[in-house]
Structures are given as structure tokens and as C-alpha cells.
Amino acid sequence: MSEPTGKYSITMPRGIAEAARARSGPSGLSAYVAAAVARQIERDNLSELIQVAEAEHGPVTDDEIQALRDQLHQARQGQANGGAAA
């Protein structure tokens, strides 16, 4: 069951609106914009979570970020190879 919807009026630059309409496909502009706003809310929530974590534990270092990227890359390689270890 989907959430109840409401009708809203928004203002945005014409070029962005035209590009969004061109990319919206069969689901329509409203669904495209709603999905974009939902992604932005997820990003905002993640940023807030990161701020709280960094306030408590300190900032994440570049080395830690790279180590996690390496782990992710290895996991993706393992998936691409049918689950075999990379």
C-alpha cells in the first residue's frame, strides 16, 4: 500500500525541470521528483549521523576511508566471480 499523496507547487529552474521531465519516463515527473527528494532526505540523514558519530569518535581518517573502499572493492570482485574469494 502506498503512502497518501498531496499536491504541492514548487519552483525550480526551467532547465532542471525540463531535464527532469525528459528523464522521468512512464512514472511521470511527480514520481521522479519524489524519488529525488527521498534520496536527498536519505543523504541529509546520513550526514547528520556522520556528524554525530564524528563528534563522539572523531573524524574518519583518509586511511580508514581507503581501507573500507578496498574492502568494498574486494567484496564486489568476489560477487562478480561467483562468490569466490578475490
Protein backbone atom coordinates (compact mmCIF):
# COMPACT_ATOMS: atom_id res chain seq x y z
CA MET A 1 0.00 0.00 0.00
CA SER A 2 1.45 3.38 -0.94
CA GLU A 3 1.56 6.48 1.20
CA PRO A 4 -1.14 9.11 0.83
CA THR A 5 -0.09 11.88 -1.51
CA GLY A 6 -0.64 15.61 -1.59
CA LYS A 7 -0.43 18.15 -4.34
CA TYR A 8 2.30 20.77 -3.97
CA SER A 9 3.51 23.67 -6.03
CA ILE A 10 7.28 24.04 -6.34
CA THR A 11 9.54 26.43 -8.20
CA MET A 12 12.76 25.31 -9.88
CA PRO A 13 14.97 26.49 -12.71
CA ARG A 14 13.39 25.76 -16.09
CA GLY A 15 16.41 23.79 -17.34
CA ILE A 16 16.30 21.45 -14.36
CA ALA A 17 12.55 20.98 -14.73
CA GLU A 18 12.87 20.20 -18.44
CA ALA A 19 15.71 17.74 -17.84
CA ALA A 20 13.72 16.02 -15.08
CA ARG A 21 10.64 15.79 -17.29
CA ALA A 22 12.73 14.31 -20.12
CA ARG A 23 14.17 11.67 -17.77
CA SER A 24 11.05 10.91 -15.78
CA GLY A 25 9.84 8.17 -18.08
CA PRO A 26 6.48 6.46 -17.72
CA SER A 27 6.23 7.07 -13.98
CA GLY A 28 6.00 10.80 -14.59
CA LEU A 29 7.58 13.94 -13.27
CA SER A 30 5.93 13.76 -9.85
CA ALA A 31 7.36 10.30 -9.14
CA TYR A 32 10.78 11.38 -10.42
CA VAL A 33 10.84 14.45 -8.19
CA ALA A 34 9.53 12.48 -5.19
CA ALA A 35 12.31 9.90 -5.63
CA ALA A 36 14.93 12.67 -5.89
CA VAL A 37 13.65 14.34 -2.72
CA ALA A 38 13.59 10.98 -0.90
CA ARG A 39 17.26 10.40 -1.89
CA GLN A 40 18.17 13.87 -0.63
CA ILE A 41 16.46 13.19 2.69
CA GLU A 42 18.44 9.93 2.99
CA ARG A 43 21.67 11.86 2.30
CA ASP A 44 20.75 14.52 4.85
CA ASN A 45 20.00 11.84 7.45
CA LEU A 46 23.31 10.10 6.70
CA SER A 47 25.20 13.40 7.01
CA GLU A 48 23.58 14.02 10.39
CA LEU A 49 24.52 10.50 11.52
CA ILE A 50 28.11 11.03 10.39
CA GLN A 51 28.28 14.34 12.29
CA VAL A 52 27.05 12.68 15.47
CA ALA A 53 29.49 9.77 15.09
CA GLU A 54 32.42 12.09 14.37
CA ALA A 55 31.53 14.28 17.35
CA GLU A 56 31.63 11.19 19.56
CA HIS A 57 34.55 9.28 17.99
CA GLY A 58 36.49 11.87 15.99
CA PRO A 59 36.70 12.28 12.25
CA VAL A 60 37.28 9.32 9.96
CA THR A 61 40.80 9.39 8.52
CA ASP A 62 41.67 9.12 4.84
CA ASP A 63 43.41 5.81 5.59
CA GLU A 64 40.24 4.41 7.20
CA ILE A 65 38.17 5.52 4.22
CA GLN A 66 40.61 3.89 1.79
CA ALA A 67 40.64 0.65 3.80
CA LEU A 68 36.85 0.50 3.64
CA ARG A 69 36.89 1.24 -0.10
CA ASP A 70 39.38 -1.59 -0.57
CA GLN A 71 37.11 -3.96 1.38
CA LEU A 72 34.12 -2.94 -0.72
CA HIS A 73 36.09 -3.41 -3.93
CA GLN A 74 37.19 -6.89 -2.81
CA ALA A 75 33.62 -7.82 -1.88
CA ARG A 76 32.36 -6.67 -5.29
CA GLN A 77 35.08 -8.66 -7.04
CA GLY A 78 34.06 -11.70 -5.03
CA GLN A 79 30.43 -11.27 -6.12
CA ALA A 80 31.46 -10.83 -9.76
CA ASN A 81 33.46 -14.05 -9.53
CA GLY A 82 30.50 -16.05 -8.29
CA GLY A 83 31.32 -15.61 -4.63
CA ALA A 84 34.87 -16.90 -4.94
CA ALA A 85 37.47 -15.15 -2.82
CA ALA A 86 39.35 -12.42 -4.70
